[in-house]
C-alpha atoms as a PDB file:
ATOM      1  CA  MET A   1     -28.164   8.787  -0.032  1.00  0.00           C
ATOM      2  CA  ALA A   2     -24.813   9.997   1.305  1.00  0.00           C
ATOM      3  CA  LYS A   3     -21.701   7.899   0.893  1.00  0.00           C
ATOM      4  CA  LEU A   4     -19.715   6.922   3.945  1.00  0.00           C
ATOM      5  CA  TYR A   5     -16.017   7.519   3.512  1.00  0.00           C
ATOM      6  CA  ALA A   6     -14.582   5.468   6.326  1.00  0.00           C
ATOM      7  CA  LYS A   7     -11.083   4.099   6.379  1.00  0.00           C
ATOM      8  CA  LYS A   8     -10.312   0.640   7.615  1.00  0.00           C
ATOM      9  CA  PRO A   9      -8.268   0.660  10.830  1.00  0.00           C
ATOM     10  CA  ARG A  10      -4.572   0.031  10.403  1.00  0.00           C
ATOM     11  CA  SER A  11      -3.307  -3.336  11.430  1.00  0.00           C
ATOM     12  CA  ASN A  12      -0.613  -3.623  14.068  1.00  0.00           C
ATOM     13  CA  LYS A  13       1.706  -5.171  11.503  1.00  0.00           C
ATOM     14  CA  ASN A  14       2.114  -1.800   9.770  1.00  0.00           C
ATOM     15  CA  LEU A  15       2.986  -0.049  13.039  1.00  0.00           C
ATOM     16  CA  GLU A  16       5.526  -2.525  14.392  1.00  0.00           C
ATOM     17  CA  GLY A  17       8.505  -0.926  12.628  1.00  0.00           C
ATOM     18  CA  ILE A  18       7.639   2.622  13.681  1.00  0.00           C
ATOM     19  CA  LYS A  19       9.517   3.771  16.770  1.00  0.00           C
ATOM     20  CA  PRO A  20       9.991   7.333  18.020  1.00  0.00           C
ATOM     21  CA  LYS A  21      13.478   8.790  18.310  1.00  0.00           C
ATOM     22  CA  GLN A  22      14.974   9.029  21.782  1.00  0.00           C
ATOM     23  CA  GLU A  23      15.128  12.801  21.222  1.00  0.00           C
ATOM     24  CA  THR A  24      11.334  12.921  20.808  1.00  0.00           C
ATOM     25  CA  ILE A  25      10.724  10.857  23.935  1.00  0.00           C
ATOM     26  CA  ASP A  26      13.044  13.086  25.980  1.00  0.00           C
ATOM     27  CA  PHE A  27      11.321  16.233  24.712  1.00  0.00           C
ATOM     28  CA  ILE A  28       7.851  14.982  25.672  1.00  0.00           C
ATOM     29  CA  LEU A  29       9.002  13.817  29.108  1.00  0.00           C
ATOM     30  CA  ASN A  30      10.763  17.101  29.862  1.00  0.00           C
ATOM     31  CA  TYR A  31       7.748  19.096  28.683  1.00  0.00           C
ATOM     32  CA  SER A  32       5.391  17.114  30.906  1.00  0.00           C
ATOM     33  CA  LYS A  33       7.691  17.647  33.897  1.00  0.00           C
ATOM     34  CA  ALA A  34       7.782  21.427  33.295  1.00  0.00           C
ATOM     35  CA  LEU A  35       4.030  21.841  32.695  1.00  0.00           C
ATOM     36  CA  LYS A  36       1.994  22.952  35.685  1.00  0.00           C
ATOM     37  CA  ILE A  37      -1.785  23.419  35.651  1.00  0.00           C
ATOM     38  CA  VAL A  38      -3.356  25.550  38.375  1.00  0.00           C
ATOM     39  CA  THR A  39      -7.108  25.680  38.954  1.00  0.00           C
ATOM     40  CA  TYR A  40      -8.490  28.902  40.433  1.00  0.00           C
ATOM     41  CA  LYS A  41     -12.227  29.587  40.688  1.00  0.00           C
ATOM     42  CA  LYS A  42     -13.133  27.073  37.974  1.00  0.00           C
ATOM     43  CA  GLU A  43     -10.477  28.506  35.626  1.00  0.00           C
ATOM     44  CA  LYS A  44      -7.423  26.535  34.560  1.00  0.00           C
ATOM     45  CA  PHE A  45      -4.067  28.212  34.023  1.00  0.00           C
ATOM     46  CA  GLU A  46      -1.226  26.403  32.306  1.00  0.00           C
ATOM     47  CA  THR A  47       2.349  27.482  32.930  1.00  0.00           C
ATOM     48  CA  ILE A  48       5.638  26.072  31.744  1.00  0.00           C
ATOM     49  CA  LEU A  49       8.251  26.152  34.474  1.00  0.00           C
ATOM     50  CA  ASN A  50      11.542  26.851  32.689  1.00  0.00           C
END
């Protein structure tokens, strides 16, 4: 019989002290603003508007 190697989910207590840097947040927000997805004949094209 196969063994199940499952990890227990992390508790919220371990994640309370982890906060992203402001630099990371700004990068993700700017990337999402510049990303444009166009659908053409059931095909999706992703472009970054820089």
